[in-house]
Amino acid sequence: MSEGNIAADQLRLLIERIERLEEEKSGIGDDIKDVYLELKATGYEPKIVRQIIRLRKMQPHDRQEMEAILQTYLAALGME
C-alpha cells in the first residue's frame, strides 16, 4: 500500500469516528432536552436548574467571587 492510500484510509477512519461521535452527541442532547421537559412537567423551572448546573461546574472560589461581584453590581443599581 502506498503512503497516499494509508493517509486516505486514516483520514476516512478519523472522519467516520467524528461522525459517530456527532451522532452520539446529538442523542445525548436529545436526552438532556427530555430531562428538562420532565423537570418542567414536574413543576421545576428549567432556567433556574440550568443556572444551578452552571454554578455546580464552577470552582467554589470562582463561584463566591462571581456572587460577590453580582451583589456589588446589584447594590450599585439599587436592586439589592
C-alpha atoms as a PDB file:
ATOM      1  CA  MET A   1       0.000   0.000   0.000  1.00  0.00           C
ATOM      2  CA  SER A   2       1.303   3.436  -0.818  1.00  0.00           C
ATOM      3  CA  GLU A   3       1.544   6.254   1.684  1.00  0.00           C
ATOM      4  CA  GLY A   4      -1.292   8.047  -0.108  1.00  0.00           C
ATOM      5  CA  ASN A   5      -3.639   5.121   0.432  1.00  0.00           C
ATOM      6  CA  ILE A   6      -2.625   4.792   4.077  1.00  0.00           C
ATOM      7  CA  ALA A   7      -3.159   8.508   4.669  1.00  0.00           C
ATOM      8  CA  ALA A   8      -6.524   8.413   2.887  1.00  0.00           C
ATOM      9  CA  ASP A   9      -7.623   5.385   4.931  1.00  0.00           C
ATOM     10  CA  GLN A  10      -6.541   7.056   8.148  1.00  0.00           C
ATOM     11  CA  LEU A  11      -8.376  10.246   7.200  1.00  0.00           C
ATOM     12  CA  ARG A  12     -11.534   8.306   6.321  1.00  0.00           C
ATOM     13  CA  LEU A  13     -11.424   6.440   9.645  1.00  0.00           C
ATOM     14  CA  LEU A  14     -10.992   9.659  11.591  1.00  0.00           C
ATOM     15  CA  ILE A  15     -13.871  11.311   9.740  1.00  0.00           C
ATOM     16  CA  GLU A  16     -16.116   8.310  10.363  1.00  0.00           C
ATOM     17  CA  ARG A  17     -15.170   8.404  14.028  1.00  0.00           C
ATOM     18  CA  ILE A  18     -16.129  12.079  14.243  1.00  0.00           C
ATOM     19  CA  GLU A  19     -19.417  11.336  12.506  1.00  0.00           C
ATOM     20  CA  ARG A  20     -20.241   8.594  15.027  1.00  0.00           C
ATOM     21  CA  LEU A  21     -19.387  10.891  17.925  1.00  0.00           C
ATOM     22  CA  GLU A  22     -21.556  13.654  16.446  1.00  0.00           C
ATOM     23  CA  GLU A  23     -24.465  11.199  16.279  1.00  0.00           C
ATOM     24  CA  GLU A  24     -23.901  10.227  19.910  1.00  0.00           C
ATOM     25  CA  LYS A  25     -23.691  13.888  20.900  1.00  0.00           C
ATOM     26  CA  SER A  26     -26.985  14.563  19.166  1.00  0.00           C
ATOM     27  CA  GLY A  27     -28.587  11.663  21.007  1.00  0.00           C
ATOM     28  CA  ILE A  28     -27.266  12.891  24.337  1.00  0.00           C
ATOM     29  CA  GLY A  29     -28.561  16.379  23.548  1.00  0.00           C
ATOM     30  CA  ASP A  30     -32.000  14.912  22.909  1.00  0.00           C
ATOM     31  CA  ASP A  31     -31.830  13.034  26.218  1.00  0.00           C
ATOM     32  CA  ILE A  32     -30.932  16.233  28.066  1.00  0.00           C
ATOM     33  CA  LYS A  33     -33.861  18.060  26.444  1.00  0.00           C
ATOM     34  CA  ASP A  34     -36.151  15.266  27.613  1.00  0.00           C
ATOM     35  CA  VAL A  35     -34.914  15.646  31.186  1.00  0.00           C
ATOM     36  CA  TYR A  36     -35.556  19.396  31.070  1.00  0.00           C
ATOM     37  CA  LEU A  37     -39.078  18.719  29.790  1.00  0.00           C
ATOM     38  CA  GLU A  38     -39.556  16.293  32.666  1.00  0.00           C
ATOM     39  CA  LEU A  39     -38.288  18.952  35.085  1.00  0.00           C
ATOM     40  CA  LYS A  40     -40.787  21.443  33.735  1.00  0.00           C
ATOM     41  CA  ALA A  41     -43.634  18.925  33.848  1.00  0.00           C
ATOM     42  CA  THR A  42     -42.776  18.233  37.489  1.00  0.00           C
ATOM     43  CA  GLY A  43     -43.047  21.935  38.288  1.00  0.00           C
ATOM     44  CA  TYR A  44     -39.398  22.940  38.349  1.00  0.00           C
ATOM     45  CA  GLU A  45     -38.110  25.958  36.457  1.00  0.00           C
ATOM     46  CA  PRO A  46     -35.633  24.787  33.779  1.00  0.00           C
ATOM     47  CA  LYS A  47     -33.875  28.174  33.597  1.00  0.00           C
ATOM     48  CA  ILE A  48     -33.056  28.001  37.294  1.00  0.00           C
ATOM     49  CA  VAL A  49     -31.897  24.393  37.026  1.00  0.00           C
ATOM     50  CA  ARG A  50     -29.589  25.397  34.151  1.00  0.00           C
ATOM     51  CA  GLN A  51     -28.121  28.112  36.381  1.00  0.00           C
ATOM     52  CA  ILE A  52     -27.612  25.632  39.206  1.00  0.00           C
ATOM     53  CA  ILE A  53     -25.835  23.229  36.861  1.00  0.00           C
ATOM     54  CA  ARG A  54     -23.606  26.044  35.612  1.00  0.00           C
ATOM     55  CA  LEU A  55     -22.801  27.060  39.203  1.00  0.00           C
ATOM     56  CA  ARG A  56     -22.052  23.475  40.225  1.00  0.00           C
ATOM     57  CA  LYS A  57     -19.460  23.248  37.445  1.00  0.00           C
ATOM     58  CA  MET A  58     -17.580  26.216  38.888  1.00  0.00           C
ATOM     59  CA  GLN A  59     -14.870  26.044  41.494  1.00  0.00           C
ATOM     60  CA  PRO A  60     -16.184  27.248  44.883  1.00  0.00           C
ATOM     61  CA  HIS A  61     -13.796  30.201  44.959  1.00  0.00           C
ATOM     62  CA  ASP A  62     -14.788  31.310  41.463  1.00  0.00           C
ATOM     63  CA  ARG A  63     -18.468  30.994  42.326  1.00  0.00           C
ATOM     64  CA  GLN A  64     -18.049  33.037  45.513  1.00  0.00           C
ATOM     65  CA  GLU A  65     -16.149  35.715  43.617  1.00  0.00           C
ATOM     66  CA  MET A  66     -18.840  35.886  40.943  1.00  0.00           C
ATOM     67  CA  GLU A  67     -21.599  36.104  43.555  1.00  0.00           C
ATOM     68  CA  ALA A  68     -19.756  38.905  45.379  1.00  0.00           C
ATOM     69  CA  ILE A  69     -19.361  40.890  42.165  1.00  0.00           C
ATOM     70  CA  LEU A  70     -23.012  40.293  41.304  1.00  0.00           C
ATOM     71  CA  GLN A  71     -24.084  41.594  44.717  1.00  0.00           C
ATOM     72  CA  THR A  72     -21.886  44.670  44.244  1.00  0.00           C
ATOM     73  CA  TYR A  73     -23.436  45.398  40.853  1.00  0.00           C
ATOM     74  CA  LEU A  74     -26.971  44.850  42.124  1.00  0.00           C
ATOM     75  CA  ALA A  75     -26.353  47.176  45.060  1.00  0.00           C
ATOM     76  CA  ALA A  76     -24.878  49.822  42.744  1.00  0.00           C
ATOM     77  CA  LEU A  77     -28.039  49.650  40.636  1.00  0.00           C
ATOM     78  CA  GLY A  78     -30.292  49.853  43.692  1.00  0.00           C
ATOM     79  CA  MET A  79     -31.621  46.374  43.099  1.00  0.00           C
ATOM     80  CA  GLU A  80     -30.494  44.968  46.440  1.00  0.00           C
END
